[in-house]
């Protein structure tokens, strides 16, 4: 019996799936794997924990794994891909393929067929493939200068909005339910403290504020979530326009993945409505894709090509 590992290593969590030739046997999750954001030590801890727990749940040992495919945030940078591969090689003796997280997400959504996947998690990116196999990306330029519509972007935008509101309304802004949720998430007690943390070096975890924003019904939160959906639609439209403009396809399949889409109906609705305006041929799949399924599929397929 051959066993395969598919790993989705993101900026917030790492998921490892174990399967045989036909089915998923078990999965497990651990902390973040994005080396650029959390460092190699934290990424190592998360990867090894996810692999060991998933294998244990499936009733196998890492030594029994035939092939592994990991889709990692930042893996388009050779040094990141190399580091992830070396970490896993410490417990896995068989071949390990390290690819970008957008590649496993595209596989999970469309197999080897055409389509556009939009990722909105800790970071964001749009990635597509046409019928001829040509691929194209847009966005994904990192949390400091881009990643519009991501959890990081949403958290930062809400903090910025609160601070601007405090210029007009003063400390009364601190009484807002949204402000209190943000204070709790970061462990602070005032608008001034929020400002200090937001401008600290290294930067704070703005993505950690996303659950507080989603839970709020206040206008600022809803405004930022709607803007996030529209920003994500814009990067998706860029890929559709550049990749499918020369085709006669009646529709272009588009899929969503990542915690922002999964947990915010407001983002999904704004994304859908804006994309239908920007790219009328877009056909958005209703469900949010699980990228780890694509990683497991790619591991199986790579094993068959040996």
Protein backbone atom coordinates (compact mmCIF):
# COMPACT_ATOMS: atom_id res chain seq x y z
CA UNK A 1 0.00 0.00 0.00
CA UNK A 2 1.32 3.41 -0.97
CA UNK A 3 0.70 6.45 1.20
CA UNK A 4 0.88 10.11 0.22
CA UNK A 5 1.08 13.44 2.02
CA UNK A 6 -0.45 16.69 0.87
CA UNK A 7 0.46 19.79 2.88
CA UNK A 8 -0.99 23.28 2.77
CA UNK A 9 1.43 25.58 4.58
CA UNK A 10 -0.01 29.03 5.14
CA UNK A 11 0.60 32.17 7.14
CA UNK A 12 -1.93 31.24 9.82
CA UNK A 13 -2.05 27.45 9.86
CA UNK A 14 -0.57 24.32 8.30
CA UNK A 15 -2.76 21.39 7.25
CA UNK A 16 -1.39 17.94 6.40
CA UNK A 17 -3.54 15.29 4.71
CA UNK A 18 -2.64 11.60 4.46
CA UNK A 19 -4.14 9.45 1.73
CA UNK A 20 -3.66 6.21 -0.12
CA UNK A 21 -4.21 5.73 -3.87
CA UNK A 22 -7.92 6.54 -3.71
CA UNK A 23 -9.01 8.20 -0.48
CA UNK A 24 -8.21 10.61 2.32
CA UNK A 25 -7.24 8.73 5.47
CA UNK A 26 -6.64 11.51 7.99
CA UNK A 27 -5.61 15.13 8.39
CA UNK A 28 -4.19 17.38 11.07
CA UNK A 29 -3.46 21.07 11.51
CA UNK A 30 -0.74 23.05 13.28
CA UNK A 31 0.58 26.61 13.34
CA UNK A 32 1.89 28.80 10.50
CA UNK A 33 4.51 27.73 7.95
CA UNK A 34 5.26 31.00 6.14
CA UNK A 35 8.99 31.31 6.81
CA UNK A 36 9.10 34.92 5.65
CA UNK A 37 6.56 35.94 8.30
CA UNK A 38 7.24 33.62 11.24
CA UNK A 39 10.84 32.47 10.75
CA UNK A 40 12.32 29.05 10.07
CA UNK A 41 12.13 27.80 13.67
CA UNK A 42 8.36 28.36 13.96
CA UNK A 43 7.77 26.98 10.47
CA UNK A 44 9.76 23.84 11.32
CA UNK A 45 7.72 23.27 14.47
CA UNK A 46 4.42 23.64 12.58
CA UNK A 47 5.41 21.41 9.64
CA UNK A 48 6.73 18.57 11.75
CA UNK A 49 3.80 18.70 14.15
CA UNK A 50 1.24 18.58 11.30
CA UNK A 51 3.01 15.66 9.57
CA UNK A 52 3.45 13.60 12.72
CA UNK A 53 -0.11 14.13 13.92
CA UNK A 54 -1.63 13.37 10.51
CA UNK A 55 0.42 10.19 10.11
CA UNK A 56 -0.47 9.08 13.63
CA UNK A 57 -4.17 9.67 12.95
CA UNK A 58 -3.89 7.59 9.75
CA UNK A 59 -2.13 4.78 11.61
CA UNK A 60 1.15 5.04 9.69
CA UNK A 61 4.64 6.39 10.31
CA UNK A 62 6.35 9.12 8.23
CA UNK A 63 8.75 6.42 6.98
CA UNK A 64 5.84 4.75 5.14
CA UNK A 65 5.05 7.82 3.01
CA UNK A 66 5.78 7.31 -0.71
CA UNK A 67 5.58 10.93 -1.89
CA UNK A 68 4.83 14.36 -0.50
CA UNK A 69 3.63 17.59 -2.08
CA UNK A 70 3.61 20.79 -0.04
CA UNK A 71 2.14 24.06 -1.19
CA UNK A 72 3.83 26.77 0.85
CA UNK A 73 3.34 30.51 1.14
CA UNK A 74 6.38 32.23 -0.35
CA UNK A 75 7.59 29.07 -2.09
CA UNK A 76 8.06 30.98 -5.34
CA UNK A 77 11.27 32.22 -3.66
CA UNK A 78 13.87 29.46 -4.16
CA UNK A 79 15.38 29.89 -0.70
CA UNK A 80 11.98 29.40 0.94
CA UNK A 81 11.21 26.30 -1.12
CA UNK A 82 14.61 24.88 -0.26
CA UNK A 83 14.16 25.49 3.46
CA UNK A 84 10.71 23.85 3.50
CA UNK A 85 12.06 20.83 1.61
CA UNK A 86 15.00 20.46 3.98
CA UNK A 87 12.76 20.64 7.04
CA UNK A 88 10.53 17.84 5.75
CA UNK A 89 13.48 15.77 4.58
CA UNK A 90 14.40 15.41 8.24
CA UNK A 91 11.49 12.98 8.76
CA UNK A 92 10.51 11.97 5.22
CA UNK A 93 12.96 9.85 3.23
CA UNK A 94 10.98 9.79 -0.04
CA UNK A 95 10.55 12.54 -2.71
CA UNK A 96 9.17 15.92 -1.61
CA UNK A 97 7.76 18.45 -4.08
CA UNK A 98 7.57 22.05 -2.84
CA UNK A 99 5.30 24.32 -4.89
CA UNK A 100 3.48 27.62 -4.37
CA UNK A 101 0.28 27.62 -2.33
CA UNK A 102 -1.59 28.95 -5.36
CA UNK A 103 -0.63 25.84 -7.36
CA UNK A 104 -2.22 23.39 -4.95
CA UNK A 105 -5.28 25.64 -4.67
CA UNK A 106 -5.68 25.72 -8.46
CA UNK A 107 -5.34 21.93 -8.54
CA UNK A 108 -7.95 21.52 -5.80
CA UNK A 109 -10.42 23.70 -7.71
CA UNK A 110 -9.92 22.60 -11.31
CA UNK A 111 -7.57 19.61 -11.47
CA UNK A 112 -5.44 20.09 -14.58
CA UNK A 113 -8.11 22.17 -16.33
CA UNK A 114 -8.49 25.92 -16.87
CA UNK A 115 -9.72 28.39 -14.29
CA UNK A 116 -8.79 31.15 -11.86
CA UNK A 117 -8.26 30.68 -8.14
CA UNK A 118 -8.36 33.65 -5.77
CA UNK A 119 -6.68 33.16 -2.40
CA UNK A 120 -7.58 35.38 0.53
CA UNK A 121 -6.01 34.23 3.76
CA UNK A 122 -3.25 35.93 5.72
CA UNK A 123 -2.12 37.17 2.28
CA UNK A 124 -3.86 37.28 -1.09
CA UNK A 125 -3.23 36.45 -4.75
CA UNK A 126 -5.07 35.49 -7.95
CA UNK A 127 -3.68 32.71 -10.13
CA UNK A 128 -5.05 31.23 -13.32
CA UNK A 129 -4.42 28.70 -16.07
CA UNK A 130 -5.90 28.66 -19.57
CA UNK A 131 -6.85 25.66 -21.69
CA UNK A 132 -3.36 25.52 -23.20
CA UNK A 133 -1.69 25.32 -19.81
CA UNK A 134 -0.39 28.90 -19.67
CA UNK A 135 -0.46 30.34 -16.15
CA UNK A 136 -0.61 33.90 -14.84
CA UNK A 137 -0.73 35.56 -11.42
CA UNK A 138 -1.77 38.96 -10.12
CA UNK A 139 -1.35 40.46 -6.67
CA UNK A 140 0.45 38.59 -3.93
CA UNK A 141 3.14 41.25 -3.52
CA UNK A 142 3.40 40.84 0.25
CA UNK A 143 1.79 42.29 3.35
CA UNK A 144 3.94 45.43 3.50
CA UNK A 145 3.03 46.77 0.07
CA UNK A 146 0.14 44.69 -1.23
CA UNK A 147 -2.01 41.61 -0.47
CA UNK A 148 -5.17 43.69 -0.80
CA UNK A 149 -8.26 41.95 0.57
CA UNK A 150 -6.24 39.65 2.82
CA UNK A 151 -6.76 39.19 6.57
CA UNK A 152 -3.68 41.33 7.18
CA UNK A 153 -5.02 44.09 4.92
CA UNK A 154 -8.44 43.94 6.58
CA UNK A 155 -6.98 44.21 10.08
CA UNK A 156 -4.71 47.08 9.12
CA UNK A 157 -7.53 48.93 7.33
CA UNK A 158 -9.84 48.69 10.34
CA UNK A 159 -7.15 49.94 12.73
CA UNK A 160 -6.45 52.82 10.35
CA UNK A 161 -10.16 53.63 10.19
CA UNK A 162 -10.50 53.65 13.96
CA UNK A 163 -7.51 55.93 14.39
CA UNK A 164 -8.88 58.36 11.81
CA UNK A 165 -12.25 58.31 13.59
CA UNK A 166 -10.53 59.09 16.88
CA UNK A 167 -9.20 62.32 15.33
CA UNK A 168 -12.80 63.47 14.99
CA UNK A 169 -14.52 61.84 17.94
CA UNK A 170 -11.65 61.51 20.42
CA UNK A 171 -11.48 58.72 22.98
CA UNK A 172 -15.24 58.05 22.60
CA UNK A 173 -14.22 55.79 19.71
CA UNK A 174 -12.76 53.42 22.31
CA UNK A 175 -16.29 52.69 23.50
CA UNK A 176 -17.27 51.21 20.15
CA UNK A 177 -17.87 47.46 20.28
CA UNK A 178 -15.48 47.03 17.35
CA UNK A 179 -12.72 48.91 19.18
CA UNK A 180 -13.23 46.75 22.25
CA UNK A 181 -12.93 43.60 20.13
CA UNK A 182 -9.65 44.84 18.66
CA UNK A 183 -8.32 45.77 22.09
CA UNK A 184 -9.04 42.25 23.31
CA UNK A 185 -7.40 40.62 20.27
CA UNK A 186 -4.17 42.53 20.81
CA UNK A 187 -4.33 42.71 24.60
CA UNK A 188 -4.43 46.52 24.78
CA UNK A 189 -6.71 48.94 26.62
CA UNK A 190 -6.94 52.17 24.66
CA UNK A 191 -6.82 53.81 21.26
CA UNK A 192 -3.36 55.13 22.12
CA UNK A 193 -2.17 51.59 22.91
CA UNK A 194 -3.68 50.37 19.64
CA UNK A 195 -1.71 53.05 17.79
CA UNK A 196 1.53 52.09 19.53
CA UNK A 197 1.15 48.39 18.72
CA UNK A 198 0.13 49.12 15.12
CA UNK A 199 3.36 51.06 14.57
CA UNK A 200 5.69 48.73 16.44
CA UNK A 201 8.75 47.09 14.87
CA UNK A 202 8.56 44.32 13.82
CA UNK A 203 4.97 44.85 12.63
CA UNK A 204 2.18 43.28 14.69
CA UNK A 205 -0.09 40.49 13.53
CA UNK A 206 -2.86 42.47 11.82
CA UNK A 207 -4.37 39.22 10.53
CA UNK A 208 -5.15 38.27 14.14
CA UNK A 209 -7.75 41.07 14.12
CA UNK A 210 -9.76 39.51 11.28
CA UNK A 211 -12.09 37.41 13.50
CA UNK A 212 -12.97 40.54 15.48
CA UNK A 213 -13.80 42.42 12.29
CA UNK A 214 -15.99 39.60 10.96
CA UNK A 215 -17.86 39.41 14.25
CA UNK A 216 -18.68 43.13 14.19
CA UNK A 217 -21.83 44.58 12.62
CA UNK A 218 -20.57 48.16 12.85
CA UNK A 219 -20.35 50.19 9.66
CA UNK A 220 -16.55 50.50 9.63
CA UNK A 221 -16.09 46.73 9.76
CA UNK A 222 -18.71 46.11 7.08
CA UNK A 223 -17.22 48.83 4.88
CA UNK A 224 -13.72 47.30 5.09
CA UNK A 225 -15.00 43.76 4.39
CA UNK A 226 -16.91 44.99 1.33
CA UNK A 227 -13.81 46.81 0.10
CA UNK A 228 -11.80 43.63 0.60
CA UNK A 229 -14.18 41.73 -1.66
CA UNK A 230 -13.92 44.41 -4.33
CA UNK A 231 -10.11 44.46 -4.14
CA UNK A 232 -10.01 40.68 -4.59
CA UNK A 233 -12.36 40.94 -7.57
CA UNK A 234 -9.99 43.43 -9.20
CA UNK A 235 -6.99 41.08 -9.09
CA UNK A 236 -9.16 38.22 -10.35
CA UNK A 237 -10.35 40.39 -13.23
CA UNK A 238 -6.74 41.19 -14.20
CA UNK A 239 -5.98 37.47 -14.57
CA UNK A 240 -9.19 36.82 -16.50
CA UNK A 241 -8.57 39.72 -18.87
CA UNK A 242 -4.92 38.89 -19.58
CA UNK A 243 -5.25 35.11 -19.70
CA UNK A 244 -8.62 34.57 -21.36
CA UNK A 245 -9.09 37.62 -23.58
CA UNK A 246 -8.16 35.68 -26.71
CA UNK A 247 -10.43 32.71 -26.03
CA UNK A 248 -14.00 32.13 -27.12
CA UNK A 249 -14.99 30.56 -23.82
CA UNK A 250 -18.52 31.48 -22.81
CA UNK A 251 -17.53 31.52 -19.15
CA UNK A 252 -14.36 31.48 -17.08
CA UNK A 253 -14.54 29.35 -13.93
CA UNK A 254 -13.38 31.15 -10.78
CA UNK A 255 -12.89 29.62 -7.35
CA UNK A 256 -12.25 31.07 -3.90
CA UNK A 257 -10.04 29.76 -1.12
CA UNK A 258 -8.66 30.97 2.21
CA UNK A 259 -9.98 31.95 5.60
CA UNK A 260 -11.22 35.39 4.54
CA UNK A 261 -13.59 33.89 1.98
CA UNK A 262 -14.47 30.96 4.24
CA UNK A 263 -15.47 33.08 7.23
CA UNK A 264 -16.90 36.26 5.70
CA UNK A 265 -20.13 36.22 3.73
CA UNK A 266 -19.73 39.98 3.24
CA UNK A 267 -16.42 39.49 1.41
CA UNK A 268 -17.85 36.70 -0.74
CA UNK A 269 -20.89 38.77 -1.72
CA UNK A 270 -18.86 41.88 -2.59
CA UNK A 271 -16.35 39.77 -4.52
CA UNK A 272 -19.09 38.09 -6.56
CA UNK A 273 -20.96 41.30 -7.36
CA UNK A 274 -17.84 43.27 -8.30
CA UNK A 275 -16.38 40.48 -10.41
CA UNK A 276 -19.61 40.10 -12.36
CA UNK A 277 -19.28 43.79 -13.26
CA UNK A 278 -15.56 43.73 -14.08
CA UNK A 279 -15.54 40.36 -15.86
CA UNK A 280 -19.05 39.30 -16.96
CA UNK A 281 -17.76 35.93 -18.21
CA UNK A 282 -16.63 34.94 -14.73
CA UNK A 283 -18.51 32.01 -13.23
CA UNK A 284 -17.79 31.92 -9.49
CA UNK A 285 -18.02 28.54 -7.79
CA UNK A 286 -20.24 28.68 -4.70
CA UNK A 287 -18.08 26.63 -2.34
CA UNK A 288 -14.72 27.62 -0.87
CA UNK A 289 -11.94 25.28 -2.01
CA UNK A 290 -9.66 23.35 0.39
CA UNK A 291 -6.11 23.55 -1.08
CA UNK A 292 -4.77 20.54 0.81
CA UNK A 293 -6.90 18.32 -1.45
CA UNK A 294 -4.90 19.64 -4.41
CA UNK A 295 -1.58 18.93 -2.69
CA UNK A 296 -2.61 15.34 -2.00
CA UNK A 297 -3.71 14.91 -5.62
CA UNK A 298 -0.42 16.30 -6.90
CA UNK A 299 1.56 13.92 -4.70
CA UNK A 300 -0.34 10.94 -6.10
CA UNK A 301 0.10 12.11 -9.68
CA UNK A 302 3.82 12.76 -9.28
CA UNK A 303 4.29 9.25 -7.88
CA UNK A 304 2.61 7.71 -10.94
CA UNK A 305 4.99 9.59 -13.28
CA UNK A 306 8.11 8.00 -11.80
